[in-house]
């Protein structure tokens, strides 16, 4: 999310979590001040996630000062044990499975919207000791089939519900969440 309006649209649609991109050269990246405002706008029942591609430990204090519920970090970046947040590690085909985190997010394109690798994603779900989140190329038209094929713990979307890079299309956000909810038991 890059703004409060989009975050509130997602929450109203029924999203369980919202994320902001920090410390990353991306049209979807926000400042810590924007992230703080976005996180403050959503109700406490919605999980807030700070997403970063930084490999620099010195960037972590600023990220943790936002008090997200979870931080998505590259595979090799360690968070302090006292951080008080859930750790999500991004994996792509070829990466070994990780269990030094609270969840893994499978994204073959590392956040660039490319399609996920079906065989790798299925293998991760079958072997992971932590919840697996599926990302990569998902949109309202394919997310139901992706959930059926992979059976992840959760799914993550960004560019698949955008009007322009960084700006969400409320109609697509609502359609995506509705398609996901079709899979609820």
N, C-alpha and C. Protein backbone atom coordinates (compact mmCIF):
# COMPACT_ATOMS: atom_id res chain seq x y z
N UNK A 1 0.84 -1.17 0.00
CA UNK A 1 0.00 0.00 0.00
C UNK A 1 0.88 1.24 0.00
N UNK A 2 0.44 2.22 -0.73
CA UNK A 2 1.21 3.47 -0.77
C UNK A 2 0.43 4.63 -0.17
N UNK A 3 -0.83 4.38 0.21
CA UNK A 3 -1.63 5.46 0.78
C UNK A 3 -2.75 4.90 1.65
N UNK A 4 -3.29 5.74 2.51
CA UNK A 4 -4.33 5.33 3.43
C UNK A 4 -5.59 4.91 2.69
N UNK A 5 -5.97 5.64 1.65
CA UNK A 5 -7.20 5.31 0.92
C UNK A 5 -7.17 3.89 0.42
N UNK A 6 -6.08 3.49 -0.22
CA UNK A 6 -5.99 2.12 -0.75
C UNK A 6 -6.01 1.09 0.37
N UNK A 7 -5.36 1.39 1.47
CA UNK A 7 -5.35 0.46 2.60
C UNK A 7 -6.76 0.26 3.14
N UNK A 8 -7.51 1.34 3.26
CA UNK A 8 -8.87 1.24 3.78
C UNK A 8 -9.80 0.50 2.82
N UNK A 9 -9.58 0.67 1.52
CA UNK A 9 -10.36 -0.09 0.53
C UNK A 9 -10.09 -1.58 0.71
N UNK A 10 -8.84 -1.95 0.88
CA UNK A 10 -8.48 -3.36 1.07
C UNK A 10 -9.10 -3.92 2.34
N UNK A 11 -9.04 -3.16 3.42
CA UNK A 11 -9.60 -3.61 4.69
C UNK A 11 -11.11 -3.75 4.55
N UNK A 12 -11.76 -2.78 3.94
CA UNK A 12 -13.21 -2.85 3.74
C UNK A 12 -13.58 -4.06 2.89
N UNK A 13 -12.73 -4.41 1.95
CA UNK A 13 -12.99 -5.57 1.08
C UNK A 13 -12.82 -6.89 1.83
N UNK A 14 -12.13 -6.84 2.98
CA UNK A 14 -11.95 -8.05 3.77
C UNK A 14 -10.53 -8.59 3.83
N UNK A 15 -9.56 -7.80 3.40
CA UNK A 15 -8.16 -8.24 3.48
C UNK A 15 -7.77 -8.48 4.94
N UNK A 16 -7.02 -9.55 5.15
CA UNK A 16 -6.56 -9.89 6.51
C UNK A 16 -5.29 -9.14 6.88
N UNK A 17 -4.55 -8.70 5.88
CA UNK A 17 -3.27 -8.03 6.13
C UNK A 17 -3.04 -6.98 5.05
N UNK A 18 -2.28 -5.97 5.42
CA UNK A 18 -1.83 -4.98 4.44
C UNK A 18 -0.34 -4.77 4.65
N UNK A 19 0.35 -4.52 3.56
CA UNK A 19 1.78 -4.33 3.66
C UNK A 19 2.22 -3.04 3.01
N UNK A 20 3.36 -2.56 3.46
CA UNK A 20 4.00 -1.40 2.85
C UNK A 20 5.44 -1.79 2.52
N UNK A 21 5.93 -1.25 1.43
CA UNK A 21 7.31 -1.52 1.00
C UNK A 21 8.20 -0.39 1.50
N UNK A 22 9.27 -0.76 2.18
CA UNK A 22 10.23 0.19 2.74
C UNK A 22 11.64 -0.15 2.27
N UNK A 23 12.49 0.84 2.23
CA UNK A 23 13.92 0.64 1.93
C UNK A 23 14.11 -0.18 0.66
N UNK A 24 13.38 0.22 -0.37
CA UNK A 24 13.45 -0.51 -1.63
C UNK A 24 13.24 0.47 -2.78
N UNK A 25 14.05 0.38 -3.83
CA UNK A 25 13.82 1.25 -4.97
C UNK A 25 12.63 0.72 -5.80
N UNK A 26 11.45 1.26 -5.54
CA UNK A 26 10.23 0.76 -6.17
C UNK A 26 9.20 1.87 -6.23
N UNK A 27 8.33 1.88 -7.26
CA UNK A 27 7.24 2.85 -7.26
C UNK A 27 6.23 2.55 -6.14
N UNK A 28 6.39 1.42 -5.49
CA UNK A 28 5.50 1.03 -4.40
C UNK A 28 6.10 1.32 -3.03
N UNK A 29 7.29 1.88 -2.99
CA UNK A 29 7.97 2.17 -1.74
C UNK A 29 7.39 3.43 -1.10
N UNK A 30 7.29 3.41 0.23
CA UNK A 30 6.79 4.57 0.96
C UNK A 30 7.82 4.99 1.99
N UNK A 31 7.65 6.20 2.48
CA UNK A 31 8.52 6.70 3.55
C UNK A 31 8.05 6.10 4.87
N UNK A 32 8.90 6.11 5.87
CA UNK A 32 8.46 5.65 7.19
C UNK A 32 7.26 6.44 7.71
N UNK A 33 7.20 7.72 7.41
CA UNK A 33 6.07 8.54 7.85
C UNK A 33 4.77 8.07 7.19
N UNK A 34 4.82 7.79 5.88
CA UNK A 34 3.64 7.28 5.18
C UNK A 34 3.23 5.92 5.74
N UNK A 35 4.21 5.07 5.99
CA UNK A 35 3.91 3.74 6.54
C UNK A 35 3.23 3.85 7.89
N UNK A 36 3.73 4.74 8.72
CA UNK A 36 3.14 4.95 10.05
C UNK A 36 1.68 5.39 9.92
N UNK A 37 1.41 6.28 8.99
CA UNK A 37 0.04 6.78 8.76
C UNK A 37 -0.87 5.66 8.25
N UNK A 38 -0.37 4.85 7.34
CA UNK A 38 -1.15 3.74 6.79
C UNK A 38 -1.46 2.73 7.89
N UNK A 39 -0.45 2.35 8.66
CA UNK A 39 -0.65 1.38 9.73
C UNK A 39 -1.65 1.91 10.77
N UNK A 40 -1.58 3.20 11.10
CA UNK A 40 -2.47 3.78 12.10
C UNK A 40 -3.92 3.82 11.62
N UNK A 41 -4.13 3.84 10.32
CA UNK A 41 -5.48 3.97 9.77
C UNK A 41 -6.28 2.66 9.79
N UNK A 42 -5.58 1.53 9.87
CA UNK A 42 -6.30 0.26 9.81
C UNK A 42 -6.61 -0.26 11.21
N UNK A 43 -7.68 -1.02 11.30
CA UNK A 43 -8.09 -1.55 12.60
C UNK A 43 -7.09 -2.56 13.12
N UNK A 44 -7.03 -2.75 14.42
CA UNK A 44 -6.04 -3.65 15.04
C UNK A 44 -6.15 -5.10 14.60
N UNK A 45 -7.31 -5.52 14.10
CA UNK A 45 -7.47 -6.91 13.68
C UNK A 45 -6.80 -7.20 12.33
N UNK A 46 -6.34 -6.17 11.64
CA UNK A 46 -5.66 -6.33 10.36
C UNK A 46 -4.16 -6.38 10.61
N UNK A 47 -3.52 -7.42 10.10
CA UNK A 47 -2.08 -7.57 10.27
C UNK A 47 -1.35 -6.57 9.39
N UNK A 48 -0.39 -5.85 9.98
CA UNK A 48 0.42 -4.90 9.23
C UNK A 48 1.79 -5.51 8.98
N UNK A 49 2.24 -5.36 7.74
CA UNK A 49 3.51 -5.98 7.33
C UNK A 49 4.41 -4.92 6.71
N UNK A 50 5.63 -4.83 7.21
CA UNK A 50 6.65 -3.98 6.61
C UNK A 50 7.50 -4.87 5.72
N UNK A 51 7.52 -4.55 4.43
CA UNK A 51 8.24 -5.35 3.44
C UNK A 51 9.51 -4.61 3.06
N UNK A 52 10.64 -5.30 3.12
CA UNK A 52 11.89 -4.66 2.75
C UNK A 52 12.79 -5.63 1.99
N UNK A 53 13.56 -5.07 1.09
CA UNK A 53 14.54 -5.87 0.38
C UNK A 53 15.95 -5.54 0.87
N UNK A 54 16.02 -4.72 1.90
CA UNK A 54 17.34 -4.33 2.39
C UNK A 54 18.07 -5.54 2.99
N UNK A 55 19.35 -5.53 2.81
CA UNK A 55 20.19 -6.54 3.44
C UNK A 55 21.01 -5.92 4.56
N UNK A 56 20.69 -4.67 4.88
CA UNK A 56 21.47 -3.89 5.84
C UNK A 56 20.80 -3.89 7.22
N UNK A 57 21.45 -4.47 8.19
CA UNK A 57 20.92 -4.51 9.55
C UNK A 57 20.68 -3.11 10.11
N UNK A 58 21.45 -2.14 9.67
CA UNK A 58 21.28 -0.77 10.18
C UNK A 58 19.96 -0.13 9.73
N UNK A 59 19.27 -0.71 8.74
CA UNK A 59 17.96 -0.20 8.33
C UNK A 59 16.83 -0.71 9.23
N UNK A 60 17.10 -1.76 9.98
CA UNK A 60 16.04 -2.40 10.78
C UNK A 60 15.46 -1.53 11.89
N UNK A 61 16.24 -0.74 12.65
CA UNK A 61 15.62 0.06 13.71
C UNK A 61 14.52 0.99 13.19
N UNK A 62 14.73 1.63 12.05
CA UNK A 62 13.70 2.52 11.49
C UNK A 62 12.46 1.72 11.10
N UNK A 63 12.66 0.53 10.55
CA UNK A 63 11.53 -0.31 10.15
C UNK A 63 10.78 -0.79 11.39
N UNK A 64 11.51 -1.25 12.38
CA UNK A 64 10.87 -1.75 13.60
C UNK A 64 10.19 -0.64 14.40
N UNK A 65 10.64 0.60 14.25
CA UNK A 65 10.02 1.72 14.97
C UNK A 65 8.59 1.98 14.49
N UNK A 66 8.21 1.40 13.37
CA UNK A 66 6.84 1.55 12.85
C UNK A 66 5.87 0.61 13.55
N UNK A 67 6.40 -0.33 14.32
CA UNK A 67 5.61 -1.31 15.07
C UNK A 67 4.69 -2.15 14.18
N UNK A 68 5.24 -2.70 13.09
CA UNK A 68 4.41 -3.60 12.29
C UNK A 68 4.19 -4.91 13.04
N UNK A 69 3.19 -5.65 12.62
CA UNK A 69 2.98 -6.98 13.21
C UNK A 69 3.99 -7.98 12.67
N UNK A 70 4.41 -7.76 11.42
CA UNK A 70 5.36 -8.66 10.77
C UNK A 70 6.30 -7.86 9.89
N UNK A 71 7.49 -8.43 9.67
CA UNK A 71 8.46 -7.82 8.76
C UNK A 71 8.88 -8.89 7.77
N UNK A 72 8.75 -8.55 6.49
CA UNK A 72 9.19 -9.44 5.42
C UNK A 72 10.60 -9.02 5.03
N UNK A 73 11.54 -9.96 5.19
CA UNK A 73 12.94 -9.64 4.95
C UNK A 73 13.56 -10.63 3.97
N UNK A 74 14.67 -10.23 3.36
CA UNK A 74 15.40 -11.19 2.53
C UNK A 74 15.87 -12.38 3.35
N UNK A 75 16.20 -13.44 2.69
CA UNK A 75 16.55 -14.70 3.33
C UNK A 75 17.65 -14.57 4.36
N UNK A 76 18.66 -13.76 4.10
CA UNK A 76 19.84 -13.76 4.98
C UNK A 76 19.86 -12.64 6.02
N UNK A 77 18.85 -11.80 6.10
CA UNK A 77 18.85 -10.72 7.07
C UNK A 77 18.24 -11.20 8.39
N UNK A 78 18.98 -11.04 9.47
CA UNK A 78 18.52 -11.48 10.78
C UNK A 78 17.91 -10.31 11.53
N UNK A 79 16.77 -10.54 12.15
CA UNK A 79 16.16 -9.54 13.01
C UNK A 79 16.59 -9.80 14.45
N UNK A 80 16.71 -8.75 15.25
CA UNK A 80 17.07 -8.95 16.65
C UNK A 80 16.02 -9.81 17.36
N UNK A 81 16.45 -10.63 18.29
CA UNK A 81 15.52 -11.54 18.97
C UNK A 81 14.47 -10.78 19.77
N UNK A 82 14.75 -9.57 20.16
CA UNK A 82 13.81 -8.76 20.94
C UNK A 82 12.89 -7.91 20.07
N UNK A 83 12.89 -8.12 18.76
CA UNK A 83 12.15 -7.26 17.84
C UNK A 83 10.64 -7.29 18.08
N UNK A 84 10.10 -8.41 18.53
CA UNK A 84 8.68 -8.47 18.84
C UNK A 84 7.78 -8.48 17.62
N UNK A 85 8.28 -8.95 16.49
CA UNK A 85 7.48 -9.03 15.27
C UNK A 85 7.61 -10.42 14.67
N UNK A 86 6.63 -10.78 13.86
CA UNK A 86 6.72 -12.03 13.11
C UNK A 86 7.67 -11.79 11.93
N UNK A 87 8.44 -12.80 11.60
CA UNK A 87 9.40 -12.70 10.50
C UNK A 87 8.91 -13.54 9.33
N UNK A 88 8.84 -12.90 8.17
CA UNK A 88 8.48 -13.58 6.93
C UNK A 88 9.69 -13.50 6.02
N UNK A 89 10.13 -14.65 5.50
CA UNK A 89 11.27 -14.67 4.59
C UNK A 89 10.80 -14.96 3.17
N UNK A 90 11.33 -14.20 2.21
CA UNK A 90 10.99 -14.41 0.81
C UNK A 90 11.88 -15.49 0.22
N UNK A 91 11.24 -16.46 -0.45
CA UNK A 91 11.97 -17.53 -1.12
C UNK A 91 11.59 -17.58 -2.59
N UNK A 92 12.53 -18.01 -3.41
CA UNK A 92 12.31 -18.21 -4.84
C UNK A 92 12.90 -19.56 -5.22
N UNK A 93 12.51 -20.09 -6.37
CA UNK A 93 13.07 -21.38 -6.79
C UNK A 93 14.59 -21.40 -6.68
N UNK A 94 15.07 -22.48 -6.10
CA UNK A 94 16.50 -22.62 -5.88
C UNK A 94 16.92 -22.30 -4.46
N UNK A 95 16.08 -21.53 -3.75
CA UNK A 95 16.38 -21.21 -2.36
C UNK A 95 16.03 -22.40 -1.48
N UNK A 96 16.84 -22.67 -0.48
CA UNK A 96 16.48 -23.76 0.44
C UNK A 96 15.32 -23.33 1.34
N UNK A 97 14.55 -24.30 1.78
CA UNK A 97 13.45 -24.02 2.69
C UNK A 97 14.01 -23.47 3.99
N UNK A 98 13.29 -22.55 4.61
CA UNK A 98 13.73 -21.93 5.86
C UNK A 98 12.73 -22.24 6.96
N UNK A 99 13.24 -22.41 8.17
CA UNK A 99 12.35 -22.57 9.32
C UNK A 99 12.74 -21.61 10.44
N UNK A 100 13.64 -20.66 10.14
CA UNK A 100 14.07 -19.65 11.12
C UNK A 100 13.21 -18.40 10.98
N UNK A 101 11.92 -18.63 10.78
CA UNK A 101 10.99 -17.53 10.58
C UNK A 101 9.59 -18.01 10.95
N UNK A 102 8.65 -17.10 10.91
CA UNK A 102 7.27 -17.45 11.24
C UNK A 102 6.47 -17.85 10.01
N UNK A 103 6.93 -17.47 8.83
CA UNK A 103 6.29 -17.84 7.56
C UNK A 103 7.28 -17.57 6.44
N UNK A 104 7.03 -18.20 5.30
CA UNK A 104 7.80 -17.90 4.09
C UNK A 104 6.83 -17.42 3.03
N UNK A 105 7.31 -16.52 2.20
CA UNK A 105 6.52 -16.07 1.06
C UNK A 105 7.25 -16.54 -0.19
N UNK A 106 6.53 -17.27 -1.01
CA UNK A 106 7.09 -17.82 -2.23
C UNK A 106 6.81 -16.85 -3.37
N UNK A 107 7.87 -16.29 -3.93
CA UNK A 107 7.72 -15.31 -5.00
C UNK A 107 8.92 -15.43 -5.93
N UNK A 108 8.72 -16.11 -7.04
CA UNK A 108 9.81 -16.36 -7.99
C UNK A 108 10.40 -15.08 -8.57
N UNK A 109 9.60 -14.01 -8.63
CA UNK A 109 10.08 -12.77 -9.24
C UNK A 109 10.55 -11.73 -8.23
N UNK A 110 10.61 -12.11 -6.95
CA UNK A 110 11.06 -11.20 -5.89
C UNK A 110 10.33 -9.86 -5.93
N UNK A 111 9.01 -9.92 -5.97
CA UNK A 111 8.20 -8.72 -5.88
C UNK A 111 8.00 -7.96 -7.17
N UNK A 112 8.32 -8.54 -8.31
CA UNK A 112 8.17 -7.84 -9.57
C UNK A 112 6.93 -8.28 -10.35
N UNK A 113 6.06 -9.09 -9.74
CA UNK A 113 4.80 -9.45 -10.37
C UNK A 113 4.85 -10.60 -11.35
N UNK A 114 6.00 -11.24 -11.50
CA UNK A 114 6.10 -12.39 -12.39
C UNK A 114 5.38 -13.59 -11.81
N UNK A 115 4.94 -14.48 -12.66
CA UNK A 115 4.17 -15.64 -12.23
C UNK A 115 4.97 -16.54 -11.30
N UNK A 116 4.27 -17.14 -10.34
CA UNK A 116 4.90 -18.06 -9.40
C UNK A 116 5.21 -19.37 -10.11
N UNK A 117 6.17 -20.11 -9.56
CA UNK A 117 6.55 -21.42 -10.08
C UNK A 117 5.69 -22.47 -9.37
N UNK A 118 4.77 -23.08 -10.09
CA UNK A 118 3.80 -24.00 -9.50
C UNK A 118 4.47 -25.17 -8.79
N UNK A 119 5.41 -25.83 -9.43
CA UNK A 119 6.06 -26.99 -8.82
C UNK A 119 6.81 -26.59 -7.55
N UNK A 120 7.53 -25.49 -7.60
CA UNK A 120 8.27 -25.03 -6.42
C UNK A 120 7.30 -24.68 -5.29
N UNK A 121 6.23 -23.96 -5.62
CA UNK A 121 5.26 -23.56 -4.60
C UNK A 121 4.63 -24.79 -3.94
N UNK A 122 4.23 -25.76 -4.74
CA UNK A 122 3.64 -26.98 -4.17
C UNK A 122 4.64 -27.71 -3.28
N UNK A 123 5.90 -27.78 -3.72
CA UNK A 123 6.94 -28.44 -2.93
C UNK A 123 7.13 -27.73 -1.59
N UNK A 124 7.11 -26.41 -1.62
CA UNK A 124 7.27 -25.64 -0.37
C UNK A 124 6.13 -25.92 0.59
N UNK A 125 4.90 -25.91 0.10
CA UNK A 125 3.75 -26.19 0.96
C UNK A 125 3.86 -27.59 1.55
N UNK A 126 4.30 -28.55 0.74
CA UNK A 126 4.40 -29.94 1.20
C UNK A 126 5.49 -30.15 2.24
N UNK A 127 6.54 -29.35 2.20
CA UNK A 127 7.69 -29.61 3.08
C UNK A 127 7.93 -28.57 4.16
N UNK A 128 7.27 -27.45 4.09
CA UNK A 128 7.56 -26.36 5.03
C UNK A 128 7.02 -26.66 6.43
N UNK A 129 7.80 -26.29 7.42
CA UNK A 129 7.36 -26.41 8.81
C UNK A 129 6.70 -25.11 9.29
N UNK A 130 6.69 -24.09 8.44
CA UNK A 130 6.04 -22.82 8.74
C UNK A 130 5.02 -22.51 7.65
N UNK A 131 4.05 -21.64 7.92
CA UNK A 131 3.06 -21.30 6.90
C UNK A 131 3.71 -20.74 5.63
N UNK A 132 3.10 -21.06 4.49
CA UNK A 132 3.59 -20.62 3.19
C UNK A 132 2.59 -19.64 2.59
N UNK A 133 3.09 -18.48 2.20
CA UNK A 133 2.29 -17.45 1.54
C UNK A 133 2.69 -17.47 0.07
N UNK A 134 1.72 -17.47 -0.81
CA UNK A 134 1.98 -17.51 -2.25
C UNK A 134 1.85 -16.11 -2.84
N UNK A 135 2.82 -15.71 -3.66
CA UNK A 135 2.79 -14.42 -4.34
C UNK A 135 3.36 -14.61 -5.74
N UNK A 136 3.16 -13.62 -6.56
CA UNK A 136 3.76 -13.62 -7.88
C UNK A 136 2.76 -13.84 -9.00
N UNK A 137 2.38 -12.75 -9.65
CA UNK A 137 1.51 -12.85 -10.81
C UNK A 137 0.05 -13.11 -10.47
N UNK A 138 -0.32 -12.99 -9.23
CA UNK A 138 -1.71 -13.25 -8.86
C UNK A 138 -2.60 -12.05 -9.17
N UNK A 139 -3.84 -12.36 -9.54
CA UNK A 139 -4.83 -11.33 -9.83
C UNK A 139 -6.22 -11.93 -9.59
N UNK A 140 -7.29 -11.14 -9.69
CA UNK A 140 -8.62 -11.68 -9.43
C UNK A 140 -9.01 -12.84 -10.34
N UNK A 141 -8.46 -12.88 -11.53
CA UNK A 141 -8.82 -13.93 -12.48
C UNK A 141 -8.13 -15.26 -12.26
N UNK A 142 -7.00 -15.28 -11.53
CA UNK A 142 -6.27 -16.54 -11.39
C UNK A 142 -6.05 -16.98 -9.94
N UNK A 143 -6.43 -16.16 -8.97
CA UNK A 143 -6.09 -16.49 -7.59
C UNK A 143 -6.84 -17.72 -7.08
N UNK A 144 -8.08 -17.91 -7.48
CA UNK A 144 -8.82 -19.08 -7.01
C UNK A 144 -8.16 -20.36 -7.50
N UNK A 145 -7.78 -20.41 -8.76
CA UNK A 145 -7.09 -21.59 -9.30
C UNK A 145 -5.74 -21.79 -8.62
N UNK A 146 -5.04 -20.70 -8.34
CA UNK A 146 -3.73 -20.80 -7.67
C UNK A 146 -3.90 -21.38 -6.27
N UNK A 147 -4.91 -20.94 -5.55
CA UNK A 147 -5.15 -21.47 -4.21
C UNK A 147 -5.49 -22.95 -4.28
N UNK A 148 -6.33 -23.32 -5.22
CA UNK A 148 -6.69 -24.74 -5.37
C UNK A 148 -5.47 -25.59 -5.70
N UNK A 149 -4.60 -25.07 -6.56
CA UNK A 149 -3.44 -25.84 -7.02
C UNK A 149 -2.34 -25.96 -5.97
N UNK A 150 -2.16 -24.92 -5.16
CA UNK A 150 -1.02 -24.87 -4.24
C UNK A 150 -1.43 -25.11 -2.79
N UNK A 151 -2.58 -24.66 -2.39
CA UNK A 151 -3.07 -24.76 -1.00
C UNK A 151 -2.15 -24.02 -0.03
N UNK A 152 -1.84 -22.75 -0.32
CA UNK A 152 -0.99 -21.99 0.60
C UNK A 152 -1.77 -21.57 1.84
N UNK A 153 -1.06 -21.12 2.83
CA UNK A 153 -1.66 -20.58 4.05
C UNK A 153 -2.38 -19.26 3.71
N UNK A 154 -1.75 -18.47 2.83
CA UNK A 154 -2.29 -17.16 2.45
C UNK A 154 -1.75 -16.80 1.06
N UNK A 155 -2.31 -15.77 0.49
CA UNK A 155 -1.83 -15.23 -0.78
C UNK A 155 -1.52 -13.75 -0.60
N UNK A 156 -0.66 -13.25 -1.47
CA UNK A 156 -0.21 -11.87 -1.42
C UNK A 156 -0.33 -11.31 -2.83
N UNK A 157 -0.87 -10.10 -2.94
CA UNK A 157 -1.02 -9.47 -4.25
C UNK A 157 -0.57 -8.02 -4.17
N UNK A 158 -0.04 -7.54 -5.28
CA UNK A 158 0.31 -6.12 -5.36
C UNK A 158 -0.06 -5.63 -6.75
N UNK A 159 0.79 -5.88 -7.74
CA UNK A 159 0.54 -5.34 -9.08
C UNK A 159 -0.72 -5.90 -9.72
N UNK A 160 -1.17 -7.06 -9.30
CA UNK A 160 -2.37 -7.68 -9.87
C UNK A 160 -3.66 -6.97 -9.53
N UNK A 161 -3.61 -5.97 -8.64
CA UNK A 161 -4.80 -5.20 -8.29
C UNK A 161 -4.53 -3.69 -8.41
N UNK A 162 -3.59 -3.33 -9.27
CA UNK A 162 -3.24 -1.92 -9.42
C UNK A 162 -3.84 -1.29 -10.67
N UNK A 163 -4.18 0.00 -10.54
CA UNK A 163 -4.58 0.81 -11.68
C UNK A 163 -3.33 1.32 -12.39
N UNK A 164 -2.35 1.74 -11.59
CA UNK A 164 -1.02 2.16 -12.05
C UNK A 164 -0.04 1.72 -10.97
N UNK A 165 1.25 1.63 -11.28
CA UNK A 165 2.19 1.19 -10.25
C UNK A 165 2.07 2.00 -8.96
N UNK A 166 1.76 1.28 -7.88
CA UNK A 166 1.64 1.90 -6.57
C UNK A 166 0.24 2.36 -6.20
N UNK A 167 -0.67 2.39 -7.17
CA UNK A 167 -2.04 2.85 -6.90
C UNK A 167 -3.02 1.71 -7.15
N UNK A 168 -3.78 1.34 -6.14
CA UNK A 168 -4.71 0.22 -6.24
C UNK A 168 -5.99 0.62 -6.99
N UNK A 169 -6.59 -0.37 -7.62
CA UNK A 169 -7.90 -0.23 -8.27
C UNK A 169 -8.89 -0.91 -7.32
N UNK A 170 -9.75 -0.15 -6.69
CA UNK A 170 -10.68 -0.67 -5.70
C UNK A 170 -11.52 -1.82 -6.22
N UNK A 171 -11.93 -1.75 -7.46
CA UNK A 171 -12.73 -2.83 -8.06
C UNK A 171 -11.93 -4.12 -8.11
N UNK A 172 -10.66 -4.03 -8.50
CA UNK A 172 -9.80 -5.22 -8.56
C UNK A 172 -9.49 -5.76 -7.16
N UNK A 173 -9.30 -4.86 -6.20
CA UNK A 173 -9.03 -5.29 -4.83
C UNK A 173 -10.23 -6.09 -4.31
N UNK A 174 -11.43 -5.54 -4.48
CA UNK A 174 -12.63 -6.23 -4.01
C UNK A 174 -12.81 -7.58 -4.72
N UNK A 175 -12.56 -7.61 -6.02
CA UNK A 175 -12.69 -8.86 -6.78
C UNK A 175 -11.67 -9.89 -6.32
N UNK A 176 -10.46 -9.46 -6.00
CA UNK A 176 -9.42 -10.36 -5.54
C UNK A 176 -9.80 -10.99 -4.19
N UNK A 177 -10.21 -10.15 -3.25
CA UNK A 177 -10.59 -10.66 -1.93
C UNK A 177 -11.79 -11.59 -2.05
N UNK A 178 -12.75 -11.23 -2.88
CA UNK A 178 -13.92 -12.08 -3.08
C UNK A 178 -13.51 -13.44 -3.64
N UNK A 179 -12.61 -13.44 -4.61
CA UNK A 179 -12.13 -14.70 -5.19
C UNK A 179 -11.41 -15.55 -4.14
N UNK A 180 -10.66 -14.92 -3.28
CA UNK A 180 -9.98 -15.65 -2.19
C UNK A 180 -11.00 -16.23 -1.22
N UNK A 181 -11.99 -15.45 -0.88
CA UNK A 181 -13.00 -15.88 0.10
C UNK A 181 -13.84 -17.04 -0.44
N UNK A 182 -13.90 -17.21 -1.75
CA UNK A 182 -14.61 -18.35 -2.33
C UNK A 182 -13.98 -19.66 -1.90
N UNK A 183 -12.73 -19.58 -1.45
CA UNK A 183 -11.98 -20.78 -1.06
C UNK A 183 -12.11 -21.05 0.44
N UNK A 184 -12.69 -20.10 1.19
CA UNK A 184 -12.83 -20.33 2.63
C UNK A 184 -13.73 -21.54 2.88
N UNK A 185 -13.41 -22.33 3.93
CA UNK A 185 -14.24 -23.50 4.23
C UNK A 185 -15.63 -23.10 4.68
